[in-house]
Amino acid sequence: MIYPEAVWYGHVTEADVDEIIESHIIGGKPVERLMLADSCLNTAACEHRKEKISGQ
């Protein structure tokens, strides 16, 4: 999570960290392709969670 914007990132790999730091933390622009939707926070109903569970 990036605070104070309360932006949650998901499915982040080590390769994504530099982009998040440069784009969001330094540049102030969130990395939209990695942002979790509000509907995916604190819920088992998240569409990404279903993909991961069904793929196991």
PDB file of N, CA and C in Angstrom:
ATOM      1  N   MET A   1       0.844  -1.175   0.000  1.00  0.00           N
ATOM      2  CA  MET A   1       0.000   0.000   0.000  1.00  0.00           C
ATOM      3  C   MET A   1       0.887   1.236   0.000  1.00  0.00           C
ATOM      4  N   ILE A   2       0.485   2.212  -0.781  1.00  0.00           N
ATOM      5  CA  ILE A   2       1.178   3.503  -0.808  1.00  0.00           C
ATOM      6  C   ILE A   2       0.316   4.485  -0.023  1.00  0.00           C
ATOM      7  N   TYR A   3       0.900   5.053   1.021  1.00  0.00           N
ATOM      8  CA  TYR A   3       0.181   5.963   1.903  1.00  0.00           C
ATOM      9  C   TYR A   3       0.705   7.366   1.643  1.00  0.00           C
ATOM     10  N   PRO A   4      -0.056   8.417   1.611  1.00  0.00           N
ATOM     11  CA  PRO A   4      -1.422   8.575   2.082  1.00  0.00           C
ATOM     12  C   PRO A   4      -2.488   8.352   1.012  1.00  0.00           C
ATOM     13  N   GLU A   5      -2.100   8.017  -0.227  1.00  0.00           N
ATOM     14  CA  GLU A   5      -3.102   7.847  -1.281  1.00  0.00           C
ATOM     15  C   GLU A   5      -3.957   6.598  -1.105  1.00  0.00           C
ATOM     16  N   ALA A   6      -3.526   5.678  -0.265  1.00  0.00           N
ATOM     17  CA  ALA A   6      -4.231   4.415  -0.028  1.00  0.00           C
ATOM     18  C   ALA A   6      -4.390   3.617  -1.316  1.00  0.00           C
ATOM     19  N   VAL A   7      -3.318   3.580  -2.097  1.00  0.00           N
ATOM     20  CA  VAL A   7      -3.305   2.779  -3.323  1.00  0.00           C
ATOM     21  C   VAL A   7      -2.739   1.411  -2.979  1.00  0.00           C
ATOM     22  N   TRP A   8      -3.518   0.381  -3.283  1.00  0.00           N
ATOM     23  CA  TRP A   8      -3.092  -0.991  -3.054  1.00  0.00           C
ATOM     24  C   TRP A   8      -2.652  -1.599  -4.364  1.00  0.00           C
ATOM     25  N   TYR A   9      -1.495  -2.223  -4.353  1.00  0.00           N
ATOM     26  CA  TYR A   9      -0.992  -2.922  -5.531  1.00  0.00           C
ATOM     27  C   TYR A   9      -1.083  -4.417  -5.295  1.00  0.00           C
ATOM     28  N   GLY A  10      -1.348  -5.154  -6.361  1.00  0.00           N
ATOM     29  CA  GLY A  10      -1.444  -6.599  -6.254  1.00  0.00           C
ATOM     30  C   GLY A  10      -0.685  -7.283  -7.368  1.00  0.00           C
ATOM     31  N   HIS A  11      -0.339  -8.531  -7.139  1.00  0.00           N
ATOM     32  CA  HIS A  11       0.395  -9.350  -8.111  1.00  0.00           C
ATOM     33  C   HIS A  11       1.693  -8.657  -8.515  1.00  0.00           C
ATOM     34  N   VAL A  12       2.340  -8.024  -7.551  1.00  0.00           N
ATOM     35  CA  VAL A  12       3.578  -7.297  -7.796  1.00  0.00           C
ATOM     36  C   VAL A  12       4.744  -8.284  -7.746  1.00  0.00           C
ATOM     37  N   THR A  13       5.607  -8.187  -8.753  1.00  0.00           N
ATOM     38  CA  THR A  13       6.819  -8.998  -8.768  1.00  0.00           C
ATOM     39  C   THR A  13       8.011  -8.096  -8.443  1.00  0.00           C
ATOM     40  N   GLU A  14       9.123  -8.709  -8.213  1.00  0.00           N
ATOM     41  CA  GLU A  14      10.337  -7.942  -7.931  1.00  0.00           C
ATOM     42  C   GLU A  14      10.647  -6.990  -9.089  1.00  0.00           C
ATOM     43  N   ALA A  15      10.328  -7.401 -10.294  1.00  0.00           N
ATOM     44  CA  ALA A  15      10.570  -6.565 -11.476  1.00  0.00           C
ATOM     45  C   ALA A  15       9.701  -5.310 -11.496  1.00  0.00           C
ATOM     46  N   ASP A  16       8.577  -5.310 -10.764  1.00  0.00           N
ATOM     47  CA  ASP A  16       7.665  -4.156 -10.734  1.00  0.00           C
ATOM     48  C   ASP A  16       8.063  -3.091  -9.715  1.00  0.00           C
ATOM     49  N   VAL A  17       8.901  -3.438  -8.780  1.00  0.00           N
ATOM     50  CA  VAL A  17       9.211  -2.536  -7.658  1.00  0.00           C
ATOM     51  C   VAL A  17       9.829  -1.228  -8.133  1.00  0.00           C
ATOM     52  N   ASP A  18      10.810  -1.293  -9.027  1.00  0.00           N
ATOM     53  CA  ASP A  18      11.443  -0.059  -9.515  1.00  0.00           C
ATOM     54  C   ASP A  18      10.428   0.855 -10.197  1.00  0.00           C
ATOM     55  N   GLU A  19       9.501   0.259 -10.972  1.00  0.00           N
ATOM     56  CA  GLU A  19       8.484   1.062 -11.652  1.00  0.00           C
ATOM     57  C   GLU A  19       7.571   1.760 -10.644  1.00  0.00           C
ATOM     58  N   ILE A  20       7.179   1.060  -9.589  1.00  0.00           N
ATOM     59  CA  ILE A  20       6.325   1.657  -8.556  1.00  0.00           C
ATOM     60  C   ILE A  20       7.058   2.804  -7.863  1.00  0.00           C
ATOM     61  N   ILE A  21       8.315   2.587  -7.544  1.00  0.00           N
ATOM     62  CA  ILE A  21       9.089   3.636  -6.870  1.00  0.00           C
ATOM     63  C   ILE A  21       9.250   4.857  -7.772  1.00  0.00           C
ATOM     64  N   GLU A  22       9.679   4.624  -9.022  1.00  0.00           N
ATOM     65  CA  GLU A  22       9.930   5.744  -9.930  1.00  0.00           C
ATOM     66  C   GLU A  22       8.637   6.457 -10.335  1.00  0.00           C
ATOM     67  N   SER A  23       7.624   5.692 -10.698  1.00  0.00           N
ATOM     68  CA  SER A  23       6.396   6.294 -11.197  1.00  0.00           C
ATOM     69  C   SER A  23       5.534   6.872 -10.088  1.00  0.00           C
ATOM     70  N   HIS A  24       5.299   6.093  -9.023  1.00  0.00           N
ATOM     71  CA  HIS A  24       4.346   6.521  -8.003  1.00  0.00           C
ATOM     72  C   HIS A  24       4.998   7.300  -6.864  1.00  0.00           C
ATOM     73  N   ILE A  25       5.982   6.719  -6.254  1.00  0.00           N
ATOM     74  CA  ILE A  25       6.563   7.369  -5.073  1.00  0.00           C
ATOM     75  C   ILE A  25       7.315   8.645  -5.457  1.00  0.00           C
ATOM     76  N   ILE A  26       8.121   8.578  -6.516  1.00  0.00           N
ATOM     77  CA  ILE A  26       8.886   9.759  -6.923  1.00  0.00           C
ATOM     78  C   ILE A  26       8.055  10.665  -7.837  1.00  0.00           C
ATOM     79  N   GLY A  27       7.383  10.073  -8.830  1.00  0.00           N
ATOM     80  CA  GLY A  27       6.674  10.855  -9.835  1.00  0.00           C
ATOM     81  C   GLY A  27       5.239  11.204  -9.508  1.00  0.00           C
ATOM     82  N   GLY A  28       4.664  10.539  -8.496  1.00  0.00           N
ATOM     83  CA  GLY A  28       3.298  10.845  -8.104  1.00  0.00           C
ATOM     84  C   GLY A  28       2.220  10.228  -8.982  1.00  0.00           C
ATOM     85  N   LYS A  29       2.607   9.337  -9.920  1.00  0.00           N
ATOM     86  CA  LYS A  29       1.633   8.718 -10.824  1.00  0.00           C
ATOM     87  C   LYS A  29       1.542   7.220 -10.518  1.00  0.00           C
ATOM     88  N   PRO A  30       0.389   6.756 -10.001  1.00  0.00           N
ATOM     89  CA  PRO A  30       0.228   5.335  -9.700  1.00  0.00           C
ATOM     90  C   PRO A  30       0.403   4.467 -10.948  1.00  0.00           C
ATOM     91  N   VAL A  31       0.854   3.244 -10.728  1.00  0.00           N
ATOM     92  CA  VAL A  31       1.019   2.271 -11.803  1.00  0.00           C
ATOM     93  C   VAL A  31      -0.311   1.535 -11.937  1.00  0.00           C
ATOM     94  N   GLU A  32      -1.149   2.019 -12.836  1.00  0.00           N
ATOM     95  CA  GLU A  32      -2.525   1.535 -12.930  1.00  0.00           C
ATOM     96  C   GLU A  32      -2.639   0.042 -13.211  1.00  0.00           C
ATOM     97  N   ARG A  33      -1.741  -0.521 -13.994  1.00  0.00           N
ATOM     98  CA  ARG A  33      -1.844  -1.935 -14.347  1.00  0.00           C
ATOM     99  C   ARG A  33      -1.663  -2.853 -13.141  1.00  0.00           C
ATOM    100  N   LEU A  34      -1.104  -2.331 -12.060  1.00  0.00           N
ATOM    101  CA  LEU A  34      -0.882  -3.137 -10.854  1.00  0.00           C
ATOM    102  C   LEU A  34      -1.829  -2.796  -9.714  1.00  0.00           C
ATOM    103  N   MET A  35      -2.647  -1.764  -9.890  1.00  0.00           N
ATOM    104  CA  MET A  35      -3.539  -1.334  -8.812  1.00  0.00           C
ATOM    105  C   MET A  35      -4.682  -2.320  -8.614  1.00  0.00           C
ATOM    106  N   LEU A  36      -5.004  -2.590  -7.352  1.00  0.00           N
ATOM    107  CA  LEU A  36      -6.168  -3.409  -7.034  1.00  0.00           C
ATOM    108  C   LEU A  36      -7.403  -2.518  -6.975  1.00  0.00           C
ATOM    109  N   ALA A  37      -8.483  -3.010  -7.526  1.00  0.00           N
ATOM    110  CA  ALA A  37      -9.748  -2.271  -7.473  1.00  0.00           C
ATOM    111  C   ALA A  37     -10.284  -2.286  -6.052  1.00  0.00           C
ATOM    112  N   ASP A  38     -11.046  -1.263  -5.690  1.00  0.00           N
ATOM    113  CA  ASP A  38     -11.651  -1.216  -4.358  1.00  0.00           C
ATOM    114  C   ASP A  38     -12.476  -2.463  -4.078  1.00  0.00           C
ATOM    115  N   SER A  39     -13.081  -3.032  -5.128  1.00  0.00           N
ATOM    116  CA  SER A  39     -13.914  -4.227  -4.953  1.00  0.00           C
ATOM    117  C   SER A  39     -13.091  -5.462  -4.592  1.00  0.00           C
ATOM    118  N   CYS A  40     -11.779  -5.365  -4.696  1.00  0.00           N
ATOM    119  CA  CYS A  40     -10.909  -6.502  -4.363  1.00  0.00           C
ATOM    120  C   CYS A  40     -10.308  -6.410  -2.957  1.00  0.00           C
ATOM    121  N   LEU A  41     -10.630  -5.353  -2.248  1.00  0.00           N
ATOM    122  CA  LEU A  41     -10.055  -5.176  -0.917  1.00  0.00           C
ATOM    123  C   LEU A  41     -10.952  -5.773   0.148  1.00  0.00           C
ATOM    124  N   ASN A  42     -10.363  -6.584   0.999  1.00  0.00           N
ATOM    125  CA  ASN A  42     -11.066  -7.178   2.147  1.00  0.00           C
ATOM    126  C   ASN A  42     -12.309  -7.971   1.762  1.00  0.00           C
ATOM    127  N   THR A  43     -12.211  -8.733   0.693  1.00  0.00           N
ATOM    128  CA  THR A  43     -13.345  -9.548   0.274  1.00  0.00           C
ATOM    129  C   THR A  43     -12.872 -10.821  -0.411  1.00  0.00           C
ATOM    130  N   ALA A  44     -13.581 -11.882  -0.204  1.00  0.00           N
ATOM    131  CA  ALA A  44     -13.279 -13.132  -0.895  1.00  0.00           C
ATOM    132  C   ALA A  44     -13.885 -13.136  -2.288  1.00  0.00           C
ATOM    133  N   ALA A  45     -14.695 -12.136  -2.612  1.00  0.00           N
ATOM    134  CA  ALA A  45     -15.391 -12.076  -3.896  1.00  0.00           C
ATOM    135  C   ALA A  45     -14.554 -11.443  -5.008  1.00  0.00           C
ATOM    136  N   CYS A  46     -13.325 -11.122  -4.748  1.00  0.00           N
ATOM    137  CA  CYS A  46     -12.469 -10.482  -5.748  1.00  0.00           C
ATOM    138  C   CYS A  46     -12.275 -11.399  -6.945  1.00  0.00           C
ATOM    139  N   GLU A  47     -12.435 -10.833  -8.141  1.00  0.00           N
ATOM    140  CA  GLU A  47     -12.284 -11.620  -9.366  1.00  0.00           C
ATOM    141  C   GLU A  47     -10.885 -12.207  -9.509  1.00  0.00           C
ATOM    142  N   HIS A  48      -9.861 -11.522  -9.002  1.00  0.00           N
ATOM    143  CA  HIS A  48      -8.496 -12.030  -9.080  1.00  0.00           C
ATOM    144  C   HIS A  48      -8.300 -13.218  -8.141  1.00  0.00           C
ATOM    145  N   ARG A  49      -8.937 -13.169  -7.018  1.00  0.00           N
ATOM    146  CA  ARG A  49      -8.839 -14.259  -6.054  1.00  0.00           C
ATOM    147  C   ARG A  49      -9.461 -15.529  -6.635  1.00  0.00           C
ATOM    148  N   LYS A  50     -10.579 -15.386  -7.320  1.00  0.00           N
ATOM    149  CA  LYS A  50     -11.247 -16.543  -7.920  1.00  0.00           C
ATOM    150  C   LYS A  50     -10.354 -17.207  -8.959  1.00  0.00           C
ATOM    151  N   GLU A  51      -9.661 -16.398  -9.764  1.00  0.00           N
ATOM    152  CA  GLU A  51      -8.757 -16.955 -10.775  1.00  0.00           C
ATOM    153  C   GLU A  51      -7.656 -17.761 -10.114  1.00  0.00           C
ATOM    154  N   LYS A  52      -7.106 -17.229  -9.075  1.00  0.00           N
ATOM    155  CA  LYS A  52      -5.996 -17.898  -8.405  1.00  0.00           C
ATOM    156  C   LYS A  52      -6.472 -19.196  -7.761  1.00  0.00           C
ATOM    157  N   ILE A  53      -7.628 -19.176  -7.114  1.00  0.00           N
ATOM    158  CA  ILE A  53      -8.150 -20.371  -6.462  1.00  0.00           C
ATOM    159  C   ILE A  53      -8.504 -21.440  -7.486  1.00  0.00           C
ATOM    160  N   SER A  54      -9.180 -21.047  -8.560  1.00  0.00           N
ATOM    161  CA  SER A  54      -9.576 -22.041  -9.563  1.00  0.00           C
ATOM    162  C   SER A  54      -8.383 -22.592 -10.316  1.00  0.00           C
ATOM    163  N   GLY A  55      -7.290 -21.850 -10.369  1.00  0.00           N
ATOM    164  CA  GLY A  55      -6.103 -22.310 -11.064  1.00  0.00           C
ATOM    165  C   GLY A  55      -5.216 -23.233 -10.257  1.00  0.00           C
ATOM    166  N   GLN A  56      -5.553 -23.450  -8.997  1.00  0.00           N
ATOM    167  CA  GLN A  56      -4.703 -24.287  -8.140  1.00  0.00           C
ATOM    168  C   GLN A  56      -5.012 -25.743  -8.330  1.00  0.00           C
TER     169      GLN A  56
END
